[in-house]
Amino acid sequence: MAGQLVGLLFCGLLAAHLIALLATASSGGNGTLHRMSRRYVMENVTSAYRLALVQRDAASGNAMLAALDTATSRHRIGPRSAVADSLLDEEERSLQAALQRELRLPADAVHVSLAPGTRADQDPGLAIALRLPAGWFNSAQRPLANTQWWWKPLRFSIPVSTLPVLVIGIVFVRRIVRPIKALSQGAERVSRGEYEPLALSGPREAREVTASFNLMQERLTRYLEDHKRMLASISHDLRSMVTSLRLRAELVDDDEVRAGMQRTLRDMAAMIEETLRFSRDDAYDEPTIGIDVGAMAGEIAADQAAQGRDVALVGAAASDAASASTASASASAASDAASATGLPALPCRCRPLAIRRALTNLVDNAVRYGRRARIGVSRTQIDGGRDAIRITIDDDGPGIPAARLDDVFKPFYRLDTARHPELGGVGLGLAIARSCIDAHGGNVTLSNRPTGGLRATILLPA
């Protein structure tokens, strides 16, 4: 936004100069000399000529005229005309007529010669000779031509007038944009569960937006606190009722009926616990800190491998190759891969338990339905060129139909209920994983790999 405002200011200044140049050029006339430069030449020559007329001799006159010399004009008194009498063009005739009228001299007493510059960037040379009572007044000028009126202001006036305005504009634009940038950073912190009021600064509109943002944070914090208290109360009541039912089930004499009731109560207790955990979203109780996501992924892979599961951490470049391999790795080999991958540090501000929970759920699903899991971690960029951390979890399972890739993130949605009831679960693992990742401003997606199996891809803001 700051760059756009400064660019708009710069374009406005250039447009103003262009309009001024066009307006001045349109009033410059159609001759060789620009109208303003021509007027200056006429005033300069007539003033110097009248000064030469009142001098007693050529020596004193030249001494006086020398004091009037500039980089573009020089006047001297001489015995003869420095301009040869020749055929005049339209511009020269116009200058001659103007001098005759102004000084009331005859035509043979005014000689004019206008020569174009030898280079494209050089002004023309104007020589004027005016007859004096004793001798001639010779003047050499370097007036500004119409063709030179465009580039000379660009060389001096535009930088001089534009740069100070741009410097002042940049300072004020940065002051205006600073609260907006702070608001953006505050919104990102809120997505990670960090609630911190922002200082009111900047223009009135920015202060009003910041105040509304602070009020939103306050209301959101109060809502979450009420939400957690309500869930804690529901959790206590449901657990009490399930415990009471278990005690009553123990009093049933029929073994088959009692076993069925206990099995149903166990499933009910597991579903209640998972549902409450999903609804409570414990991540909001956890402080946000900086961690190395690559190291966390390595720890998860090592823990899973120690339990006898085929889980390993692989380098980002080798992720696809490692996942496509059909060779089975032992628990010790997986642990060695997790510790010897040599991934670079991938710092990220997050709630570690929530991220670990999301990764563990995805790895559990990969091992449960795809026999093994290969974890890849790397740095990447997302929309707007922002840095992000990319985590992939590959398995060797049958995959998921393309039409169902997003449905499996819905709470209690399961594809394997009829085919594999022995695998258990209530269909909340992926929903919890997505909730944890979304709470950090990231996203998680599933895709079928060309070589077979499923890939879960997580993108987290770095």
Protein backbone atom coordinates (compact mmCIF):
# COMPACT_ATOMS: atom_id res chain seq x y z
CA MET A 1 0.00 0.00 0.00
CA ALA A 2 2.84 2.41 0.85
CA GLY A 3 4.47 1.74 -2.52
CA GLN A 4 1.20 2.38 -4.34
CA LEU A 5 0.64 5.70 -2.54
CA VAL A 6 4.20 6.86 -3.24
CA GLY A 7 3.87 5.77 -6.87
CA LEU A 8 0.58 7.66 -7.17
CA LEU A 9 2.22 10.78 -5.72
CA PHE A 10 5.17 10.47 -8.12
CA CYS A 11 2.88 10.02 -11.14
CA GLY A 12 0.88 13.06 -10.05
CA LEU A 13 4.01 15.20 -9.88
CA LEU A 14 5.16 14.04 -13.30
CA ALA A 15 1.72 14.71 -14.75
CA ALA A 16 1.74 18.23 -13.28
CA HIS A 17 5.14 18.95 -14.84
CA LEU A 18 4.04 17.51 -18.17
CA ILE A 19 0.94 19.71 -18.20
CA ALA A 20 3.06 22.75 -17.33
CA LEU A 21 5.53 21.95 -20.10
CA LEU A 22 2.76 21.46 -22.62
CA ALA A 23 1.13 24.73 -21.59
CA THR A 24 4.44 26.59 -21.80
CA ALA A 25 5.38 24.98 -25.08
CA SER A 26 2.02 25.92 -26.58
CA SER A 27 2.76 29.54 -25.72
CA GLY A 28 6.30 29.38 -27.05
CA GLY A 29 5.37 30.30 -30.60
CA ASN A 30 6.22 28.55 -33.86
CA GLY A 31 9.65 30.13 -34.43
CA THR A 32 13.10 28.83 -33.62
CA LEU A 33 13.34 30.74 -30.33
CA HIS A 34 11.01 30.15 -27.45
CA ARG A 35 8.79 33.15 -26.73
CA MET A 36 10.00 33.60 -23.15
CA SER A 37 13.66 33.36 -24.22
CA ARG A 38 13.04 35.78 -27.08
CA ARG A 39 11.54 38.31 -24.68
CA TYR A 40 14.56 38.01 -22.39
CA VAL A 41 16.93 38.55 -25.36
CA MET A 42 15.08 41.67 -26.47
CA GLU A 43 15.14 43.21 -22.98
CA ASN A 44 18.80 42.28 -22.50
CA VAL A 45 19.93 43.73 -25.84
CA THR A 46 17.91 46.94 -25.62
CA SER A 47 19.07 47.64 -22.06
CA ALA A 48 22.71 47.05 -22.96
CA TYR A 49 22.40 49.17 -26.14
CA ARG A 50 20.93 52.12 -24.25
CA LEU A 51 23.77 51.83 -21.72
CA ALA A 52 26.32 51.89 -24.57
CA LEU A 53 24.74 55.01 -26.03
CA VAL A 54 25.55 57.14 -22.96
CA GLN A 55 29.22 56.10 -22.74
CA ARG A 56 31.87 58.68 -23.71
CA ASP A 57 34.17 56.24 -25.57
CA ALA A 58 34.46 52.57 -26.55
CA ALA A 59 36.92 51.74 -23.75
CA SER A 60 34.71 52.94 -20.93
CA GLY A 61 31.67 51.46 -22.65
CA ASN A 62 33.29 48.01 -22.94
CA ALA A 63 34.36 48.11 -19.31
CA MET A 64 30.78 48.79 -18.31
CA LEU A 65 29.32 46.16 -20.67
CA ALA A 66 31.81 43.51 -19.50
CA ALA A 67 30.21 43.68 -16.07
CA LEU A 68 26.95 42.58 -17.67
CA ASP A 69 28.43 39.43 -19.28
CA THR A 70 26.75 36.10 -18.40
CA ALA A 71 27.25 32.55 -19.54
CA THR A 72 24.74 33.09 -22.37
CA SER A 73 25.25 36.74 -23.37
CA ARG A 74 28.14 39.10 -24.19
CA HIS A 75 28.04 42.78 -25.33
CA ARG A 76 30.87 44.87 -26.76
CA ILE A 77 31.43 48.17 -28.71
CA GLY A 78 33.51 47.88 -31.86
CA PRO A 79 34.44 49.92 -34.92
CA ARG A 80 32.43 47.75 -37.28
CA SER A 81 29.47 45.33 -37.34
CA ALA A 82 30.25 41.74 -36.26
CA VAL A 83 27.30 40.50 -38.31
CA ALA A 84 27.60 40.27 -42.07
CA ASP A 85 24.73 41.76 -44.03
CA SER A 86 22.94 38.78 -45.65
CA LEU A 87 19.55 37.45 -46.64
CA LEU A 88 17.44 37.00 -43.49
CA ASP A 89 15.05 34.18 -42.73
CA GLU A 90 11.64 34.68 -41.13
CA GLU A 91 12.90 34.52 -37.50
CA GLU A 92 15.77 36.93 -38.19
CA ARG A 93 13.45 39.39 -39.96
CA SER A 94 11.06 39.23 -37.01
CA LEU A 95 13.89 40.04 -34.55
CA GLN A 96 15.18 42.84 -36.77
CA ALA A 97 11.70 44.41 -37.02
CA ALA A 98 11.19 44.16 -33.26
CA LEU A 99 14.53 45.89 -32.54
CA GLN A 100 13.80 48.61 -35.07
CA ARG A 101 10.48 49.37 -33.42
CA GLU A 102 11.88 49.27 -29.90
CA LEU A 103 15.02 51.37 -30.59
CA ARG A 104 13.64 53.41 -33.53
CA LEU A 105 16.53 52.53 -35.83
CA PRO A 106 16.55 52.24 -39.62
CA ALA A 107 16.75 48.81 -41.23
CA ASP A 108 20.42 49.19 -42.26
CA ALA A 109 21.34 49.96 -38.62
CA VAL A 110 20.16 46.56 -37.34
CA HIS A 111 21.93 43.35 -38.34
CA VAL A 112 20.73 39.96 -37.06
CA SER A 113 22.14 36.45 -37.55
CA LEU A 114 20.67 33.31 -35.98
CA ALA A 115 22.71 30.09 -36.29
CA PRO A 116 21.45 26.70 -35.03
CA GLY A 117 23.53 24.76 -32.50
CA THR A 118 26.07 22.26 -33.76
CA ARG A 119 24.67 19.55 -31.44
CA ALA A 120 21.13 18.51 -30.69
CA ASP A 121 21.45 19.60 -27.06
CA GLN A 122 23.15 22.93 -27.88
CA ASP A 123 21.29 26.25 -27.94
CA PRO A 124 21.38 28.34 -31.14
CA GLY A 125 23.76 31.28 -31.49
CA LEU A 126 22.25 34.73 -31.94
CA ALA A 127 24.44 37.65 -33.09
CA ILE A 128 23.04 41.21 -33.15
CA ALA A 129 24.80 44.36 -34.34
CA LEU A 130 23.30 47.82 -33.74
CA ARG A 131 24.77 51.05 -35.13
CA LEU A 132 26.00 53.64 -32.64
CA PRO A 133 26.81 57.28 -33.35
CA ALA A 134 30.47 56.22 -33.41
CA GLY A 135 30.91 52.51 -34.09
CA TRP A 136 28.75 49.45 -33.60
CA PHE A 137 27.17 47.67 -30.63
CA ASN A 138 27.77 43.91 -31.05
CA SER A 139 25.89 41.36 -28.93
CA ALA A 140 26.33 37.56 -28.83
CA GLN A 141 23.51 35.54 -27.21
CA ARG A 142 22.67 31.88 -26.50
CA PRO A 143 18.87 31.98 -26.27
CA LEU A 144 16.71 28.95 -25.56
CA ALA A 145 15.17 27.31 -28.59
CA ASN A 146 11.74 25.69 -28.73
CA THR A 147 13.36 22.30 -29.28
CA GLN A 148 15.41 22.69 -26.06
CA TRP A 149 12.46 23.71 -23.89
CA TRP A 150 11.57 20.10 -23.16
CA TRP A 151 14.74 18.53 -21.82
CA LYS A 152 16.29 21.40 -19.83
CA PRO A 153 13.45 21.63 -17.27
CA LEU A 154 13.52 17.85 -16.98
CA ARG A 155 17.20 18.03 -16.11
CA PHE A 156 16.82 20.54 -13.30
CA SER A 157 13.34 21.62 -12.25
CA ILE A 158 11.71 18.18 -12.06
CA PRO A 159 14.35 16.60 -9.76
CA VAL A 160 14.52 19.72 -7.60
CA SER A 161 10.76 19.95 -7.15
CA THR A 162 9.97 16.21 -7.12
CA LEU A 163 12.57 14.74 -4.75
CA PRO A 164 11.73 16.89 -1.68
CA VAL A 165 8.01 16.24 -2.16
CA LEU A 166 8.63 12.51 -2.50
CA VAL A 167 10.79 12.43 0.65
CA ILE A 168 8.11 14.24 2.65
CA GLY A 169 5.40 12.07 1.08
CA ILE A 170 7.25 8.84 1.95
CA VAL A 171 7.60 9.92 5.59
CA PHE A 172 3.89 10.69 5.92
CA VAL A 173 2.81 7.60 3.95
CA ARG A 174 4.87 5.39 6.24
CA ARG A 175 3.21 7.06 9.23
CA ILE A 176 -0.22 6.43 7.73
CA VAL A 177 0.51 2.81 6.75
CA ARG A 178 2.24 1.83 10.02
CA PRO A 179 -1.06 1.29 11.96
CA ILE A 180 -2.43 -0.80 9.09
CA LYS A 181 0.68 -2.98 9.15
CA ALA A 182 0.39 -3.33 12.94
CA LEU A 183 -3.27 -4.32 12.47
CA SER A 184 -2.25 -7.02 9.97
CA GLN A 185 0.35 -8.39 12.37
CA GLY A 186 -2.20 -8.32 15.19
CA ALA A 187 -4.69 -10.29 13.09
CA GLU A 188 -2.00 -12.89 12.40
CA ARG A 189 -1.27 -13.16 16.13
CA VAL A 190 -4.98 -13.64 16.85
CA SER A 191 -5.00 -16.55 14.37
CA ARG A 192 -2.34 -18.17 16.57
CA GLY A 193 -4.34 -17.55 19.76
CA GLU A 194 -2.34 -14.52 20.96
CA TYR A 195 -4.70 -11.83 22.23
CA GLU A 196 -2.91 -8.54 22.79
CA PRO A 197 -4.49 -5.06 22.46
CA LEU A 198 -2.93 -2.77 19.87
CA ALA A 199 -1.81 0.79 20.57
CA LEU A 200 -4.04 3.50 19.08
CA SER A 201 -1.90 5.55 16.69
CA GLY A 202 -1.96 7.13 13.25
CA PRO A 203 -4.83 9.01 11.54
CA ARG A 204 -8.30 9.12 13.08
CA GLU A 205 -9.65 6.45 10.73
CA ALA A 206 -6.78 4.09 11.60
CA ARG A 207 -7.35 4.65 15.32
CA GLU A 208 -11.05 3.84 14.91
CA VAL A 209 -10.27 0.59 13.08
CA THR A 210 -7.68 -0.37 15.72
CA ALA A 211 -10.16 0.35 18.52
CA SER A 212 -12.76 -1.87 16.81
CA PHE A 213 -10.13 -4.61 16.43
CA ASN A 214 -9.27 -4.42 20.14
CA LEU A 215 -12.97 -4.63 21.02
CA MET A 216 -13.33 -7.68 18.78
CA GLN A 217 -10.38 -9.35 20.56
CA GLU A 218 -11.95 -8.64 23.94
CA ARG A 219 -15.31 -10.10 22.92
CA LEU A 220 -13.67 -13.12 21.31
CA THR A 221 -11.64 -13.82 24.47
CA ARG A 222 -14.77 -13.54 26.63
CA TYR A 223 -16.68 -15.86 24.29
CA LEU A 224 -13.93 -18.49 24.37
CA GLU A 225 -13.76 -18.36 28.16
CA ASP A 226 -17.54 -18.88 28.41
CA HIS A 227 -17.32 -21.63 25.80
CA LYS A 228 -14.63 -23.49 27.75
CA ARG A 229 -16.56 -23.23 31.03
CA MET A 230 -19.68 -24.59 29.36
CA LEU A 231 -17.82 -27.53 27.81
CA ALA A 232 -16.14 -28.32 31.12
CA SER A 233 -19.56 -28.50 32.77
CA ILE A 234 -20.99 -30.69 29.99
CA SER A 235 -17.94 -32.94 30.13
CA HIS A 236 -18.33 -33.45 33.87
CA ASP A 237 -22.03 -34.25 33.62
CA LEU A 238 -21.63 -36.70 30.72
CA ARG A 239 -18.77 -38.55 32.42
CA SER A 240 -20.86 -38.84 35.59
CA MET A 241 -23.79 -40.31 33.64
CA VAL A 242 -21.58 -42.80 31.77
CA THR A 243 -20.00 -43.91 35.08
CA SER A 244 -23.44 -44.38 36.58
CA LEU A 245 -24.53 -46.50 33.63
CA ARG A 246 -21.42 -48.65 33.92
CA LEU A 247 -22.23 -49.35 37.57
CA ARG A 248 -25.80 -50.27 36.67
CA ALA A 249 -24.55 -52.54 33.87
CA GLU A 250 -22.50 -54.51 36.40
CA LEU A 251 -25.73 -55.45 38.17
CA VAL A 252 -27.15 -57.16 35.07
CA ASP A 253 -27.17 -60.96 35.56
CA ASP A 254 -27.14 -61.95 31.89
CA ASP A 255 -23.47 -62.11 30.81
CA GLU A 256 -24.20 -61.54 27.12
CA VAL A 257 -26.42 -58.52 27.80
CA ARG A 258 -23.93 -57.13 30.32
CA ALA A 259 -21.02 -57.48 27.86
CA GLY A 260 -23.04 -55.74 25.12
CA MET A 261 -23.96 -52.89 27.42
CA GLN A 262 -20.35 -52.45 28.56
CA ARG A 263 -19.12 -52.44 24.94
CA THR A 264 -21.71 -49.83 24.02
CA LEU A 265 -20.75 -47.72 27.04
CA ARG A 266 -17.05 -47.90 26.13
CA ASP A 267 -17.81 -46.74 22.60
CA MET A 268 -20.05 -44.00 23.96
CA ALA A 269 -17.34 -42.83 26.39
CA ALA A 270 -14.73 -42.75 23.62
CA MET A 271 -17.06 -40.79 21.34
CA ILE A 272 -17.92 -38.33 24.10
CA GLU A 273 -14.25 -37.76 24.90
CA GLU A 274 -13.31 -37.20 21.25
CA THR A 275 -16.30 -34.93 20.66
CA LEU A 276 -15.55 -32.81 23.69
CA ARG A 277 -11.89 -32.61 22.77
CA PHE A 278 -12.81 -31.48 19.25
CA SER A 279 -15.30 -28.90 20.53
CA ARG A 280 -13.13 -27.62 23.37
CA ASP A 281 -10.12 -26.94 21.12
CA ASP A 282 -7.46 -27.07 23.82
CA ALA A 283 -5.11 -25.10 21.59
CA TYR A 284 -6.52 -21.82 22.90
CA ASP A 285 -5.24 -22.62 26.40
CA GLU A 286 -1.69 -23.10 25.15
CA PRO A 287 0.73 -20.16 24.79
CA THR A 288 2.26 -19.44 21.39
CA ILE A 289 6.04 -19.89 21.22
CA GLY A 290 8.72 -20.29 18.57
CA ILE A 291 9.74 -23.87 17.73
CA ASP A 292 11.61 -25.80 15.05
CA VAL A 293 8.92 -27.64 13.09
CA GLY A 294 11.50 -29.92 11.45
CA ALA A 295 12.75 -31.03 14.87
CA MET A 296 9.17 -31.66 16.03
CA ALA A 297 8.49 -33.81 12.95
CA GLY A 298 11.66 -35.77 13.69
CA GLU A 299 10.54 -36.38 17.27
CA ILE A 300 7.13 -37.62 16.11
CA ALA A 301 8.75 -39.97 13.59
CA ALA A 302 11.14 -41.31 16.24
CA ASP A 303 8.31 -41.84 18.78
CA GLN A 304 6.20 -43.68 16.19
CA ALA A 305 9.14 -45.82 15.09
CA ALA A 306 9.89 -46.73 18.72
CA GLN A 307 6.34 -48.16 18.91
CA GLY A 308 7.13 -50.49 16.00
CA ARG A 309 5.42 -48.43 13.31
CA ASP A 310 6.93 -47.86 9.88
CA VAL A 311 7.33 -44.07 10.14
CA ALA A 312 10.35 -42.05 9.00
CA LEU A 313 11.35 -38.44 8.42
CA VAL A 314 12.87 -37.84 4.98
CA GLY A 315 14.43 -34.81 3.30
CA ALA A 316 12.15 -32.56 1.27
CA ALA A 317 13.86 -33.46 -2.03
CA ALA A 318 13.77 -37.17 -1.26
CA SER A 319 10.19 -37.27 0.00
CA ASP A 320 8.62 -38.57 -3.21
CA ALA A 321 11.34 -41.12 -3.83
CA ALA A 322 11.21 -42.41 -0.28
CA SER A 323 7.44 -42.68 -0.38
CA ALA A 324 7.45 -44.56 -3.69
CA SER A 325 9.89 -47.18 -2.46
CA THR A 326 8.29 -50.53 -1.59
CA ALA A 327 10.99 -51.70 0.80
CA SER A 328 9.88 -51.91 4.43
CA ALA A 329 12.04 -50.09 7.01
CA SER A 330 12.61 -51.45 10.51
CA ALA A 331 11.92 -49.43 13.66
CA SER A 332 15.62 -48.76 14.23
CA ALA A 333 16.16 -47.68 10.64
CA ALA A 334 13.23 -45.27 10.88
CA SER A 335 14.64 -43.82 14.07
CA ASP A 336 18.03 -43.33 12.42
CA ALA A 337 16.36 -41.58 9.46
CA ALA A 338 14.57 -39.22 11.83
CA SER A 339 17.79 -38.23 13.56
CA ALA A 340 20.11 -38.15 10.56
CA THR A 341 17.98 -36.32 8.00
CA GLY A 342 19.93 -33.12 8.50
CA LEU A 343 17.04 -30.77 7.74
CA PRO A 344 17.75 -27.04 8.11
CA ALA A 345 16.11 -25.20 10.99
CA LEU A 346 12.49 -24.29 10.22
CA PRO A 347 11.37 -21.84 12.93
CA CYS A 348 7.66 -21.18 13.36
CA ARG A 349 5.57 -19.40 16.01
CA CYS A 350 2.77 -21.74 16.98
CA ARG A 351 1.11 -23.68 19.78
CA PRO A 352 3.35 -26.78 19.86
CA LEU A 353 0.85 -29.21 21.41
CA ALA A 354 -1.79 -28.32 18.83
CA ILE A 355 0.60 -28.77 15.89
CA ARG A 356 1.95 -32.02 17.38
CA ARG A 357 -1.62 -33.25 17.79
CA ALA A 358 -2.47 -32.45 14.15
CA LEU A 359 0.68 -34.18 12.83
CA THR A 360 0.16 -37.21 15.07
CA ASN A 361 -3.44 -37.62 13.87
CA LEU A 362 -2.32 -37.50 10.22
CA VAL A 363 0.53 -39.95 10.84
CA ASP A 364 -1.84 -42.31 12.71
CA ASN A 365 -4.24 -42.25 9.74
CA ALA A 366 -1.38 -42.90 7.30
CA VAL A 367 -0.13 -45.92 9.28
CA ARG A 368 -3.65 -47.25 9.98
CA TYR A 369 -4.89 -47.16 6.39
CA GLY A 370 -1.64 -46.95 4.37
CA ARG A 371 0.67 -49.26 6.35
CA ARG A 372 3.45 -46.66 6.69
CA ALA A 373 4.15 -42.91 6.75
CA ARG A 374 6.94 -40.78 5.29
CA ILE A 375 7.18 -37.20 6.61
CA GLY A 376 8.79 -34.43 4.56
CA VAL A 377 9.38 -30.89 5.82
CA SER A 378 10.60 -27.94 3.72
CA ARG A 379 10.38 -24.18 3.32
CA THR A 380 8.24 -22.73 0.54
CA GLN A 381 6.33 -19.59 -0.45
CA ILE A 382 2.59 -18.99 -0.60
CA ASP A 383 0.40 -16.24 -2.08
CA GLY A 384 2.02 -12.81 -1.98
CA GLY A 385 5.54 -14.25 -1.68
CA ARG A 386 5.19 -14.94 2.06
CA ASP A 387 7.41 -17.61 3.60
CA ALA A 388 5.68 -20.79 4.73
CA ILE A 389 6.55 -24.26 6.00
CA ARG A 390 5.36 -27.23 3.96
CA ILE A 391 4.85 -30.60 5.65
CA THR A 392 3.91 -33.70 3.63
CA ILE A 393 2.84 -37.09 5.00
CA ASP A 394 2.76 -39.90 2.42
CA ASP A 395 1.41 -43.45 2.79
CA ASP A 396 1.09 -46.55 0.60
CA GLY A 397 -2.63 -47.10 1.07
CA PRO A 398 -5.40 -47.35 -1.54
CA GLY A 399 -6.02 -43.61 -1.51
CA ILE A 400 -9.39 -41.86 -1.41
CA PRO A 401 -11.82 -41.21 -4.29
CA ALA A 402 -11.27 -37.67 -5.59
CA ALA A 403 -14.88 -36.69 -4.81
CA ARG A 404 -14.37 -37.60 -1.13
CA LEU A 405 -11.02 -35.88 -0.48
CA ASP A 406 -12.67 -32.96 1.30
CA ASP A 407 -15.53 -34.91 2.88
CA VAL A 408 -13.18 -36.89 5.15
CA PHE A 409 -12.40 -33.68 7.08
CA LYS A 410 -16.03 -33.47 8.24
CA PRO A 411 -16.65 -34.54 11.86
CA PHE A 412 -17.77 -38.20 12.25
CA TYR A 413 -17.33 -38.88 8.51
CA ARG A 414 -15.73 -42.27 7.83
CA LEU A 415 -15.10 -44.16 4.61
CA ASP A 416 -14.15 -47.45 6.24
CA THR A 417 -17.10 -48.09 8.57
CA ALA A 418 -18.46 -50.93 6.48
CA ARG A 419 -15.17 -52.26 5.06
CA HIS A 420 -12.91 -52.12 8.14
CA PRO A 421 -14.93 -51.82 11.36
CA GLU A 422 -12.06 -53.36 13.29
CA LEU A 423 -9.90 -50.25 12.77
CA GLY A 424 -12.01 -48.27 15.24
CA GLY A 425 -12.16 -44.50 15.53
CA VAL A 426 -15.09 -42.11 15.48
CA GLY A 427 -14.16 -40.02 12.43
CA LEU A 428 -12.76 -36.99 14.24
CA GLY A 429 -9.00 -37.36 13.67
CA LEU A 430 -8.84 -35.41 10.40
CA ALA A 431 -11.41 -32.87 11.61
CA ILE A 432 -9.26 -32.16 14.68
CA ALA A 433 -6.12 -31.91 12.52
CA ARG A 434 -7.75 -29.38 10.20
CA SER A 435 -9.10 -27.37 13.14
CA CYS A 436 -5.62 -27.13 14.70
CA ILE A 437 -3.97 -26.12 11.42
CA ASP A 438 -6.70 -23.58 10.55
CA ALA A 439 -6.28 -22.00 14.00
CA HIS A 440 -2.68 -21.17 13.01
CA GLY A 441 -3.64 -19.49 9.73
CA GLY A 442 -2.55 -22.54 7.70
CA ASN A 443 -4.36 -25.21 5.71
CA VAL A 444 -4.24 -28.96 5.17
CA THR A 445 -5.27 -30.82 2.01
CA LEU A 446 -5.30 -34.42 0.79
CA SER A 447 -4.33 -35.69 -2.67
CA ASN A 448 -3.79 -39.06 -4.34
CA ARG A 449 -0.19 -39.61 -5.42
CA PRO A 450 0.49 -40.78 -9.01
CA THR A 451 2.61 -43.66 -7.68
CA GLY A 452 -0.17 -44.80 -5.34
CA GLY A 453 -1.12 -43.88 -1.83
CA LEU A 454 -2.33 -40.68 -0.24
CA ARG A 455 -0.48 -37.44 0.52
CA ALA A 456 -1.49 -34.98 3.26
CA THR A 457 0.00 -31.51 2.70
CA ILE A 458 0.17 -28.90 5.48
CA LEU A 459 1.10 -25.25 4.87
CA LEU A 460 1.95 -23.16 7.94
CA PRO A 461 2.91 -19.44 7.90
CA ALA A 462 6.59 -19.16 8.88
